[in-house]
Amino acid sequence: MARRVALLVLPRVIALDYSIAINILGEQRGYELFTGGEAGHAGPEDGVVIVPSHPLSAVEEADVVVVPGFGDPHIPPPEPFLDAIARSAERGATVVGVCTGTFALAASGITADRQVTTHWRYTAHLQELFPRTKVVENVLHIQDGNLLTSAGAGAAIDLCLHLIRTDFGVDAELAAGRDIVAGPARPGPQPQYLDVLTPPDADLSDTRGWALQRIAEPLTVDQLARHSAMSRRTFIRRFREETGLPPMRWLTLQRILVARRLLETSDWSVDRIADAAGMGTAANFRVIFRRETGSLPSDYRRAHRR
């Protein structure tokens, strides 16, 4: 059965955030997407007026509620929208806040003592307005239970792909990425911005490719640095400049992608997958996989097996 996805058409909705969600999620097989709102509350913002396809009451039937960014986020949306968001979270629906859409989630009362993020320009303001909310700065997106929030438009793409991966697996995420000419979702903890521009001669793509070809091997930072013909310290610094992540954190995320795909598409045992993904023993694999995905390998396989 398709998962119903409601895209809220808030007053002052930002057309770019809205269009990213509707184009990526609306094309995903397995989702039944509709837009919900109230007549006369749909803008304009950026000179665009968006007319919802369904009344706001239809949001009560959604499995996923997506709240795009909106202008003047210090002014909360009307109470009916906030009530719809709060009721959705209370009944267990996945609630997604894109960019300043996180302000609507916070105004509804569902982010108290929960971790969220938003565009870097607004993180301090969000924390000031909602002191009980745990605002995480300078990450692309973050998940806390049934709440998912992201930074700006670029991070919204990553969040939509992350949602597809969570619901339908890695292959579905990669297919959605190909449709919009985007790579796999960037990891949520990656910074929204880097303070140091990547030097033009610091391209470590060859070393990353070399590592991916040897993903089953117990690679170390020293091995990667030697391949790149750099000192350990220089290599770590340059790697962070290019990817926003430490080398071993990046490698762990690549191993998780390999493991996800094998769980989805093969009959291999957990021991064999652990070995192929370079995670050592099955016990070690289970610990790492659960830490990174929130589920055990066996549970993930049952949910996503082709």
C-alpha atoms as a PDB file:
ATOM      1  CA  MET A   1       0.000   0.000   0.000  1.00  0.00           C
ATOM      2  CA  ALA A   2       1.336   3.449  -0.920  1.00  0.00           C
ATOM      3  CA  ARG A   3       2.406   5.800   1.846  1.00  0.00           C
ATOM      4  CA  ARG A   4       0.361   8.996   1.738  1.00  0.00           C
ATOM      5  CA  VAL A   5       2.490  12.141   1.760  1.00  0.00           C
ATOM      6  CA  ALA A   6       0.891  15.511   2.526  1.00  0.00           C
ATOM      7  CA  LEU A   7       2.750  18.631   1.437  1.00  0.00           C
ATOM      8  CA  LEU A   8       1.495  21.609   3.427  1.00  0.00           C
ATOM      9  CA  VAL A   9       0.845  24.811   1.504  1.00  0.00           C
ATOM     10  CA  LEU A  10       1.552  27.332   4.244  1.00  0.00           C
ATOM     11  CA  PRO A  11       0.959  31.071   3.989  1.00  0.00           C
ATOM     12  CA  ARG A  12       4.094  32.669   2.475  1.00  0.00           C
ATOM     13  CA  VAL A  13       5.290  29.235   1.335  1.00  0.00           C
ATOM     14  CA  ILE A  14       8.631  29.396  -0.498  1.00  0.00           C
ATOM     15  CA  ALA A  15       8.094  28.062  -4.009  1.00  0.00           C
ATOM     16  CA  LEU A  16      11.570  26.513  -4.305  1.00  0.00           C
ATOM     17  CA  ASP A  17      11.219  24.406  -1.153  1.00  0.00           C
ATOM     18  CA  TYR A  18       7.722  23.378  -2.208  1.00  0.00           C
ATOM     19  CA  SER A  19       8.805  22.402  -5.726  1.00  0.00           C
ATOM     20  CA  ILE A  20      11.784  20.349  -4.516  1.00  0.00           C
ATOM     21  CA  ALA A  21       9.555  18.228  -2.298  1.00  0.00           C
ATOM     22  CA  ILE A  22       6.764  17.819  -4.837  1.00  0.00           C
ATOM     23  CA  ASN A  23       9.112  16.895  -7.690  1.00  0.00           C
ATOM     24  CA  ILE A  24      11.252  14.384  -5.798  1.00  0.00           C
ATOM     25  CA  LEU A  25       8.677  12.768  -3.517  1.00  0.00           C
ATOM     26  CA  GLY A  26       5.822  13.107  -6.003  1.00  0.00           C
ATOM     27  CA  GLU A  27       7.691  10.982  -8.560  1.00  0.00           C
ATOM     28  CA  GLN A  28       8.519   8.190  -6.127  1.00  0.00           C
ATOM     29  CA  ARG A  29       6.623   4.956  -6.634  1.00  0.00           C
ATOM     30  CA  GLY A  30       5.266   3.961  -3.272  1.00  0.00           C
ATOM     31  CA  TYR A  31       4.238   7.495  -2.344  1.00  0.00           C
ATOM     32  CA  GLU A  32       0.819   8.999  -2.955  1.00  0.00           C
ATOM     33  CA  LEU A  33       1.445  12.740  -2.674  1.00  0.00           C
ATOM     34  CA  PHE A  34      -1.135  15.491  -2.282  1.00  0.00           C
ATOM     35  CA  THR A  35      -1.007  19.116  -1.199  1.00  0.00           C
ATOM     36  CA  GLY A  36      -3.062  20.371   1.705  1.00  0.00           C
ATOM     37  CA  GLY A  37      -4.015  23.856   2.834  1.00  0.00           C
ATOM     38  CA  GLU A  38      -6.735  26.449   3.031  1.00  0.00           C
ATOM     39  CA  ALA A  39      -8.105  28.653   0.290  1.00  0.00           C
ATOM     40  CA  GLY A  40      -6.716  32.154   0.454  1.00  0.00           C
ATOM     41  CA  HIS A  41      -3.702  31.129   2.580  1.00  0.00           C
ATOM     42  CA  ALA A  42      -1.329  30.092  -0.216  1.00  0.00           C
ATOM     43  CA  GLY A  43       0.918  33.102  -0.752  1.00  0.00           C
ATOM     44  CA  PRO A  44       2.188  34.801  -2.662  1.00  0.00           C
ATOM     45  CA  GLU A  45       5.864  34.510  -1.739  1.00  0.00           C
ATOM     46  CA  ASP A  46       8.466  35.046  -4.458  1.00  0.00           C
ATOM     47  CA  GLY A  47       5.593  36.161  -6.689  1.00  0.00           C
ATOM     48  CA  VAL A  48       4.119  32.637  -6.840  1.00  0.00           C
ATOM     49  CA  VAL A  49       0.632  31.620  -5.712  1.00  0.00           C
ATOM     50  CA  ILE A  50       0.176  27.896  -4.978  1.00  0.00           C
ATOM     51  CA  VAL A  51      -3.293  26.397  -4.762  1.00  0.00           C
ATOM     52  CA  PRO A  52      -3.556  23.214  -2.629  1.00  0.00           C
ATOM     53  CA  SER A  53      -5.261  20.172  -4.097  1.00  0.00           C
ATOM     54  CA  HIS A  54      -6.902  19.135  -0.800  1.00  0.00           C
ATOM     55  CA  PRO A  55      -8.300  20.874   2.273  1.00  0.00           C
ATOM     56  CA  LEU A  56      -6.195  21.032   5.394  1.00  0.00           C
ATOM     57  CA  SER A  57      -8.319  18.336   7.026  1.00  0.00           C
ATOM     58  CA  ALA A  58      -6.951  15.759   4.549  1.00  0.00           C
ATOM     59  CA  VAL A  59      -3.578  15.959   6.299  1.00  0.00           C
ATOM     60  CA  GLU A  60      -5.081  13.787   9.048  1.00  0.00           C
ATOM     61  CA  GLU A  61      -4.843  10.821   6.676  1.00  0.00           C
ATOM     62  CA  ALA A  62      -1.157  11.264   5.762  1.00  0.00           C
ATOM     63  CA  ASP A  63       1.681   8.965   6.798  1.00  0.00           C
ATOM     64  CA  VAL A  64       4.239  11.703   6.058  1.00  0.00           C
ATOM     65  CA  VAL A  65       3.664  15.450   6.465  1.00  0.00           C
ATOM     66  CA  VAL A  66       6.151  17.759   4.727  1.00  0.00           C
ATOM     67  CA  VAL A  67       6.331  21.392   5.829  1.00  0.00           C
ATOM     68  CA  PRO A  68       8.270  23.520   3.307  1.00  0.00           C
ATOM     69  CA  GLY A  69       9.988  26.766   4.201  1.00  0.00           C
ATOM     70  CA  PHE A  70       8.004  29.987   4.419  1.00  0.00           C
ATOM     71  CA  GLY A  71       8.810  33.695   4.515  1.00  0.00           C
ATOM     72  CA  ASP A  72       8.991  35.719   7.743  1.00  0.00           C
ATOM     73  CA  PRO A  73       9.401  32.624   9.924  1.00  0.00           C
ATOM     74  CA  HIS A  74       9.180  34.707  13.121  1.00  0.00           C
ATOM     75  CA  ILE A  75       5.466  35.053  12.300  1.00  0.00           C
ATOM     76  CA  PRO A  76       3.910  31.610  12.893  1.00  0.00           C
ATOM     77  CA  PRO A  77       1.387  30.128  10.450  1.00  0.00           C
ATOM     78  CA  PRO A  78      -2.307  30.220  11.415  1.00  0.00           C
ATOM     79  CA  GLU A  79      -3.435  27.941  14.233  1.00  0.00           C
ATOM     80  CA  PRO A  80      -5.208  25.406  11.964  1.00  0.00           C
ATOM     81  CA  PHE A  81      -1.872  24.611  10.286  1.00  0.00           C
ATOM     82  CA  LEU A  82      -0.077  24.296  13.620  1.00  0.00           C
ATOM     83  CA  ASP A  83      -2.840  22.029  14.946  1.00  0.00           C
ATOM     84  CA  ALA A  84      -2.548  19.811  11.866  1.00  0.00           C
ATOM     85  CA  ILE A  85       1.216  19.484  12.381  1.00  0.00           C
ATOM     86  CA  ALA A  86       0.845  18.734  16.101  1.00  0.00           C
ATOM     87  CA  ARG A  87      -1.857  16.107  15.574  1.00  0.00           C
ATOM     88  CA  SER A  88       0.186  14.449  12.835  1.00  0.00           C
ATOM     89  CA  ALA A  89       3.209  14.099  15.103  1.00  0.00           C
ATOM     90  CA  GLU A  90       1.056  12.882  17.983  1.00  0.00           C
ATOM     91  CA  ARG A  91      -0.473  10.058  15.943  1.00  0.00           C
ATOM     92  CA  GLY A  92       3.000   8.925  14.819  1.00  0.00           C
ATOM     93  CA  ALA A  93       3.223  10.341  11.299  1.00  0.00           C
ATOM     94  CA  THR A  94       6.654  11.312  10.002  1.00  0.00           C
ATOM     95  CA  VAL A  95       6.869  15.116  10.071  1.00  0.00           C
ATOM     96  CA  VAL A  96       9.428  16.785   7.808  1.00  0.00           C
ATOM     97  CA  GLY A  97      10.503  20.410   8.160  1.00  0.00           C
ATOM     98  CA  VAL A  98      12.382  21.956   5.227  1.00  0.00           C
ATOM     99  CA  CYS A  99      14.500  25.050   5.947  1.00  0.00           C
ATOM    100  CA  THR A 100      12.325  27.600   7.783  1.00  0.00           C
ATOM    101  CA  GLY A 101       9.522  25.041   7.864  1.00  0.00           C
ATOM    102  CA  THR A 102      11.195  23.947  11.105  1.00  0.00           C
ATOM    103  CA  PHE A 103       9.824  27.142  12.678  1.00  0.00           C
ATOM    104  CA  ALA A 104       6.288  25.859  12.001  1.00  0.00           C
ATOM    105  CA  LEU A 105       7.155  22.548  13.662  1.00  0.00           C
ATOM    106  CA  ALA A 106       8.500  24.406  16.688  1.00  0.00           C
ATOM    107  CA  ALA A 107       5.481  26.743  16.854  1.00  0.00           C
ATOM    108  CA  SER A 108       3.207  23.683  16.906  1.00  0.00           C
ATOM    109  CA  GLY A 109       4.931  22.495  20.081  1.00  0.00           C
ATOM    110  CA  ILE A 110       6.353  19.214  18.779  1.00  0.00           C
ATOM    111  CA  THR A 111      10.063  20.085  18.946  1.00  0.00           C
ATOM    112  CA  ALA A 112      10.418  20.596  22.707  1.00  0.00           C
ATOM    113  CA  ASP A 113      13.440  18.590  23.897  1.00  0.00           C
ATOM    114  CA  ARG A 114      13.951  17.293  20.343  1.00  0.00           C
ATOM    115  CA  GLN A 115      16.870  17.864  17.968  1.00  0.00           C
ATOM    116  CA  VAL A 116      16.170  19.895  14.824  1.00  0.00           C
ATOM    117  CA  THR A 117      18.040  22.085  12.365  1.00  0.00           C
ATOM    118  CA  THR A 118      17.291  24.834   9.865  1.00  0.00           C
ATOM    119  CA  HIS A 119      19.151  27.172   7.502  1.00  0.00           C
ATOM    120  CA  TRP A 120      22.303  28.540   9.137  1.00  0.00           C
ATOM    121  CA  ARG A 121      20.971  32.097   8.903  1.00  0.00           C
ATOM    122  CA  TYR A 122      18.088  31.192  11.226  1.00  0.00           C
ATOM    123  CA  THR A 123      19.501  28.726  13.775  1.00  0.00           C
ATOM    124  CA  ALA A 124      20.168  31.371  16.448  1.00  0.00           C
ATOM    125  CA  HIS A 125      16.739  32.928  15.901  1.00  0.00           C
ATOM    126  CA  LEU A 126      15.050  29.528  16.135  1.00  0.00           C
ATOM    127  CA  GLN A 127      16.830  28.802  19.411  1.00  0.00           C
ATOM    128  CA  GLU A 128      15.896  32.221  20.798  1.00  0.00           C
ATOM    129  CA  LEU A 129      12.206  31.835  19.931  1.00  0.00           C
ATOM    130  CA  PHE A 130      11.955  28.230  21.142  1.00  0.00           C
ATOM    131  CA  PRO A 131      14.483  27.717  23.975  1.00  0.00           C
ATOM    132  CA  ARG A 132      13.315  24.169  24.754  1.00  0.00           C
ATOM    133  CA  THR A 133      14.131  23.067  21.213  1.00  0.00           C
ATOM    134  CA  LYS A 134      17.589  21.537  20.744  1.00  0.00           C
ATOM    135  CA  VAL A 135      18.785  23.389  17.647  1.00  0.00           C
ATOM    136  CA  VAL A 136      21.752  21.672  15.969  1.00  0.00           C
ATOM    137  CA  GLU A 137      23.838  24.129  13.965  1.00  0.00           C
ATOM    138  CA  ASN A 138      25.688  23.580  10.698  1.00  0.00           C
ATOM    139  CA  VAL A 139      24.348  20.181   9.655  1.00  0.00           C
ATOM    140  CA  LEU A 140      22.491  19.373   6.445  1.00  0.00           C
ATOM    141  CA  HIS A 141      19.652  17.441   8.019  1.00  0.00           C
ATOM    142  CA  ILE A 142      18.864  15.585  11.218  1.00  0.00           C
ATOM    143  CA  GLN A 143      16.351  13.016  12.412  1.00  0.00           C
ATOM    144  CA  ASP A 144      14.963  12.724  15.927  1.00  0.00           C
ATOM    145  CA  GLY A 145      12.394   9.966  16.043  1.00  0.00           C
ATOM    146  CA  ASN A 146       9.546  10.844  13.684  1.00  0.00           C
ATOM    147  CA  LEU A 147      10.860  14.403  13.134  1.00  0.00           C
ATOM    148  CA  LEU A 148      13.136  15.140  10.170  1.00  0.00           C
ATOM    149  CA  THR A 149      14.431  18.646   9.516  1.00  0.00           C
ATOM    150  CA  SER A 150      16.851  20.133   7.015  1.00  0.00           C
ATOM    151  CA  ALA A 151      18.723  23.290   6.137  1.00  0.00           C
ATOM    152  CA  GLY A 152      18.090  25.198   2.888  1.00  0.00           C
ATOM    153  CA  ALA A 153      17.073  24.112  -0.598  1.00  0.00           C
ATOM    154  CA  GLY A 154      20.190  22.057  -1.362  1.00  0.00           C
ATOM    155  CA  ALA A 155      19.824  20.151   1.891  1.00  0.00           C
ATOM    156  CA  ALA A 156      16.117  19.647   1.121  1.00  0.00           C
ATOM    157  CA  ILE A 157      17.162  17.492  -1.838  1.00  0.00           C
ATOM    158  CA  ASP A 158      19.336  15.399   0.476  1.00  0.00           C
ATOM    159  CA  LEU A 159      16.515  15.087   2.994  1.00  0.00           C
ATOM    160  CA  CYS A 160      14.011  13.930   0.352  1.00  0.00           C
ATOM    161  CA  LEU A 161      16.488  11.320  -0.901  1.00  0.00           C
ATOM    162  CA  HIS A 162      17.194  10.266   2.685  1.00  0.00           C
ATOM    163  CA  LEU A 163      13.462   9.789   3.247  1.00  0.00           C
ATOM    164  CA  ILE A 164      13.172   7.656   0.111  1.00  0.00           C
ATOM    165  CA  ARG A 165      16.157   5.573   1.201  1.00  0.00           C
ATOM    166  CA  THR A 166      14.599   5.046   4.629  1.00  0.00           C
ATOM    167  CA  ASP A 167      11.235   3.988   3.205  1.00  0.00           C
ATOM    168  CA  PHE A 168      12.261   2.082   0.067  1.00  0.00           C
ATOM    169  CA  GLY A 169      16.000   1.365   0.189  1.00  0.00           C
ATOM    170  CA  VAL A 170      19.251   2.433  -1.452  1.00  0.00           C
ATOM    171  CA  ASP A 171      18.318   1.470  -5.019  1.00  0.00           C
ATOM    172  CA  ALA A 172      15.159   3.583  -4.861  1.00  0.00           C
ATOM    173  CA  GLU A 173      17.189   6.507  -3.534  1.00  0.00           C
ATOM    174  CA  LEU A 174      19.784   6.190  -6.315  1.00  0.00           C
ATOM    175  CA  ALA A 175      17.044   5.966  -8.958  1.00  0.00           C
ATOM    176  CA  ALA A 176      15.406   9.110  -7.582  1.00  0.00           C
ATOM    177  CA  GLY A 177      18.777  10.834  -7.598  1.00  0.00           C
ATOM    178  CA  ARG A 178      19.362   9.905 -11.232  1.00  0.00           C
ATOM    179  CA  ASP A 179      15.992  11.355 -12.185  1.00  0.00           C
ATOM    180  CA  ILE A 180      16.955  14.761 -10.800  1.00  0.00           C
ATOM    181  CA  VAL A 181      20.659  14.410 -11.718  1.00  0.00           C
ATOM    182  CA  ALA A 182      21.822  14.294  -8.097  1.00  0.00           C
ATOM    183  CA  GLY A 183      24.182  11.980  -6.278  1.00  0.00           C
ATOM    184  CA  PRO A 184      23.262   9.915  -3.212  1.00  0.00           C
ATOM    185  CA  ALA A 185      22.008  11.908  -0.245  1.00  0.00           C
ATOM    186  CA  ARG A 186      24.826  13.641   1.572  1.00  0.00           C
ATOM    187  CA  PRO A 187      25.115  12.520   5.201  1.00  0.00           C
ATOM    188  CA  GLY A 188      23.130  14.660   7.613  1.00  0.00           C
ATOM    189  CA  PRO A 189      26.105  15.560   9.843  1.00  0.00           C
ATOM    190  CA  GLN A 190      27.956  17.107   6.893  1.00  0.00           C
ATOM    191  CA  PRO A 191      28.361  20.884   7.386  1.00  0.00           C
ATOM    192  CA  GLN A 192      26.010  23.282   5.603  1.00  0.00           C
ATOM    193  CA  TYR A 193      29.021  25.349   4.649  1.00  0.00           C
ATOM    194  CA  LEU A 194      32.811  25.048   4.805  1.00  0.00           C
ATOM    195  CA  ASP A 195      34.917  27.906   6.096  1.00  0.00           C
ATOM    196  CA  VAL A 196      37.891  26.999   3.886  1.00  0.00           C
ATOM    197  CA  LEU A 197      37.561  26.750   0.121  1.00  0.00           C
ATOM    198  CA  THR A 198      38.958  23.562  -1.377  1.00  0.00           C
ATOM    199  CA  PRO A 199      42.336  24.300  -2.991  1.00  0.00           C
ATOM    200  CA  PRO A 200      42.278  23.578  -6.732  1.00  0.00           C
ATOM    201  CA  ASP A 201      45.102  21.016  -6.426  1.00  0.00           C
ATOM    202  CA  ALA A 202      43.497  19.081  -3.550  1.00  0.00           C
ATOM    203  CA  ASP A 203      41.313  16.688  -5.551  1.00  0.00           C
ATOM    204  CA  LEU A 204      41.273  13.416  -3.622  1.00  0.00           C
ATOM    205  CA  SER A 205      38.672  11.711  -5.813  1.00  0.00           C
ATOM    206  CA  ASP A 206      41.266   9.162  -6.990  1.00  0.00           C
ATOM    207  CA  THR A 207      41.973   8.161  -3.412  1.00  0.00           C
ATOM    208  CA  ARG A 208      38.270   7.900  -2.616  1.00  0.00           C
ATOM    209  CA  GLY A 209      37.773   5.717  -5.689  1.00  0.00           C
ATOM    210  CA  TRP A 210      40.745   3.578  -4.667  1.00  0.00           C
ATOM    211  CA  ALA A 211      39.200   3.130  -1.210  1.00  0.00           C
ATOM    212  CA  LEU A 212      35.804   2.156  -2.624  1.00  0.00           C
ATOM    213  CA  GLN A 213      37.432  -0.560  -4.736  1.00  0.00           C
ATOM    214  CA  ARG A 214      38.938  -1.962  -1.527  1.00  0.00           C
ATOM    215  CA  ILE A 215      35.946  -1.407   0.730  1.00  0.00           C
ATOM    216  CA  ALA A 216      36.188  -4.966   2.115  1.00  0.00           C
ATOM    217  CA  GLU A 217      39.742  -4.392   3.347  1.00  0.00           C
ATOM    218  CA  PRO A 218      40.619  -2.947   6.802  1.00  0.00           C
ATOM    219  CA  LEU A 219      41.739   0.433   5.462  1.00  0.00           C
ATOM    220  CA  THR A 220      43.430   3.016   7.669  1.00  0.00           C
ATOM    221  CA  VAL A 221      43.973   6.766   7.434  1.00  0.00           C
ATOM    222  CA  ASP A 222      47.695   6.131   6.954  1.00  0.00           C
ATOM    223  CA  GLN A 223      47.020   3.918   3.924  1.00  0.00           C
ATOM    224  CA  LEU A 224      44.756   6.546   2.379  1.00  0.00           C
ATOM    225  CA  ALA A 225      47.308   9.268   3.048  1.00  0.00           C
ATOM    226  CA  ARG A 226      50.087   7.218   1.428  1.00  0.00           C
ATOM    227  CA  HIS A 227      47.930   6.650  -1.652  1.00  0.00           C
ATOM    228  CA  SER A 228      47.390  10.394  -1.948  1.00  0.00           C
ATOM    229  CA  ALA A 229      51.121  11.054  -1.434  1.00  0.00           C
ATOM    230  CA  MET A 230      50.396  13.346   1.535  1.00  0.00           C
ATOM    231  CA  SER A 231      51.327  13.402   5.162  1.00  0.00           C
ATOM    232  CA  ARG A 232      48.660  12.112   7.537  1.00  0.00           C
ATOM    233  CA  ARG A 233      47.905  15.603   8.897  1.00  0.00           C
ATOM    234  CA  THR A 234      47.699  17.216   5.439  1.00  0.00           C
ATOM    235  CA  PHE A 235      45.550  14.402   4.102  1.00  0.00           C
ATOM    236  CA  ILE A 236      43.016  14.663   6.948  1.00  0.00           C
ATOM    237  CA  ARG A 237      42.783  18.432   6.503  1.00  0.00           C
ATOM    238  CA  ARG A 238      42.388  18.233   2.717  1.00  0.00           C
ATOM    239  CA  PHE A 239      39.837  15.411   3.023  1.00  0.00           C
ATOM    240  CA  ARG A 240      37.693  17.505   5.362  1.00  0.00           C
ATOM    241  CA  GLU A 241      37.925  20.445   2.969  1.00  0.00           C
ATOM    242  CA  GLU A 242      36.590  18.329   0.092  1.00  0.00           C
ATOM    243  CA  THR A 243      33.947  16.236   1.849  1.00  0.00           C
ATOM    244  CA  GLY A 244      33.185  17.985   5.134  1.00  0.00           C
ATOM    245  CA  LEU A 245      33.875  14.695   6.944  1.00  0.00           C
ATOM    246  CA  PRO A 246      36.856  12.962   8.578  1.00  0.00           C
ATOM    247  CA  PRO A 247      38.219  10.144   6.365  1.00  0.00           C
ATOM    248  CA  MET A 248      37.121   7.252   8.559  1.00  0.00           C
ATOM    249  CA  ARG A 249      33.649   8.702   9.060  1.00  0.00           C
ATOM    250  CA  TRP A 250      33.293   8.974   5.277  1.00  0.00           C
ATOM    251  CA  LEU A 251      34.518   5.394   4.898  1.00  0.00           C
ATOM    252  CA  THR A 252      32.027   4.115   7.482  1.00  0.00           C
ATOM    253  CA  LEU A 253      29.140   5.723   5.595  1.00  0.00           C
ATOM    254  CA  GLN A 254      30.313   4.093   2.345  1.00  0.00           C
ATOM    255  CA  ARG A 255      30.427   0.716   4.092  1.00  0.00           C
ATOM    256  CA  ILE A 256      26.861   1.245   5.313  1.00  0.00           C
ATOM    257  CA  LEU A 257      25.718   1.937   1.725  1.00  0.00           C
ATOM    258  CA  VAL A 258      27.342  -1.307   0.548  1.00  0.00           C
ATOM    259  CA  ALA A 259      25.690  -3.225   3.380  1.00  0.00           C
ATOM    260  CA  ARG A 260      22.270  -1.696   2.689  1.00  0.00           C
ATOM    261  CA  ARG A 261      22.398  -2.717  -0.946  1.00  0.00           C
ATOM    262  CA  LEU A 262      23.462  -6.283  -0.147  1.00  0.00           C
ATOM    263  CA  LEU A 263      20.714  -6.632   2.449  1.00  0.00           C
ATOM    264  CA  GLU A 264      18.172  -5.393  -0.092  1.00  0.00           C
ATOM    265  CA  THR A 265      19.283  -7.446  -3.093  1.00  0.00           C
ATOM    266  CA  SER A 266      21.077 -10.616  -1.925  1.00  0.00           C
ATOM    267  CA  ASP A 267      20.545 -13.740   0.171  1.00  0.00           C
ATOM    268  CA  TRP A 268      23.968 -13.373   1.745  1.00  0.00           C
ATOM    269  CA  SER A 269      24.337 -14.075   5.446  1.00  0.00           C
ATOM    270  CA  VAL A 270      25.086 -11.285   7.876  1.00  0.00           C
ATOM    271  CA  ASP A 271      28.622 -12.666   8.278  1.00  0.00           C
ATOM    272  CA  ARG A 272      29.247 -12.525   4.543  1.00  0.00           C
ATOM    273  CA  ILE A 273      27.853  -9.002   4.230  1.00  0.00           C
ATOM    274  CA  ALA A 274      29.936  -7.841   7.193  1.00  0.00           C
ATOM    275  CA  ASP A 275      33.037  -9.185   5.458  1.00  0.00           C
ATOM    276  CA  ALA A 276      32.144  -7.687   2.048  1.00  0.00           C
ATOM    277  CA  ALA A 277      31.483  -4.266   3.588  1.00  0.00           C
ATOM    278  CA  GLY A 278      34.727  -4.300   5.565  1.00  0.00           C
ATOM    279  CA  MET A 279      33.054  -4.332   8.975  1.00  0.00           C
ATOM    280  CA  GLY A 280      34.788  -7.377  10.414  1.00  0.00           C
ATOM    281  CA  THR A 281      32.613  -9.654  12.506  1.00  0.00           C
ATOM    282  CA  ALA A 282      28.846  -9.974  12.311  1.00  0.00           C
ATOM    283  CA  ALA A 283      28.569  -8.669  15.867  1.00  0.00           C
ATOM    284  CA  ASN A 284      30.563  -5.545  15.004  1.00  0.00           C
ATOM    285  CA  PHE A 285      28.485  -5.083  11.851  1.00  0.00           C
ATOM    286  CA  ARG A 286      25.217  -5.240  13.805  1.00  0.00           C
ATOM    287  CA  VAL A 287      26.410  -2.598  16.270  1.00  0.00           C
ATOM    288  CA  ILE A 288      27.583  -0.189  13.548  1.00  0.00           C
ATOM    289  CA  PHE A 289      24.557  -0.751  11.315  1.00  0.00           C
ATOM    290  CA  ARG A 290      22.113  -0.158  14.146  1.00  0.00           C
ATOM    291  CA  ARG A 291      23.982   2.975  15.228  1.00  0.00           C
ATOM    292  CA  GLU A 292      23.909   4.435  11.713  1.00  0.00           C
ATOM    293  CA  THR A 293      20.450   3.358  10.532  1.00  0.00           C
ATOM    294  CA  GLY A 294      18.438   2.820  13.706  1.00  0.00           C
ATOM    295  CA  SER A 295      17.605  -0.806  12.855  1.00  0.00           C
ATOM    296  CA  LEU A 296      19.215  -4.228  12.957  1.00  0.00           C
ATOM    297  CA  PRO A 297      20.364  -5.771   9.635  1.00  0.00           C
ATOM    298  CA  SER A 298      17.675  -8.462   9.840  1.00  0.00           C
ATOM    299  CA  ASP A 299      14.918  -5.896  10.403  1.00  0.00           C
ATOM    300  CA  TYR A 300      16.228  -3.724   7.563  1.00  0.00           C
ATOM    301  CA  ARG A 301      16.266  -6.723   5.212  1.00  0.00           C
ATOM    302  CA  ARG A 302      12.656  -7.622   6.017  1.00  0.00           C
ATOM    303  CA  ALA A 303      11.560  -4.031   5.380  1.00  0.00           C
ATOM    304  CA  HIS A 304      13.466  -3.448   2.151  1.00  0.00           C
ATOM    305  CA  ARG A 305      14.081  -6.830   0.543  1.00  0.00           C
ATOM    306  CA  ARG A 306      13.402  -6.722  -3.210  1.00  0.00           C
END
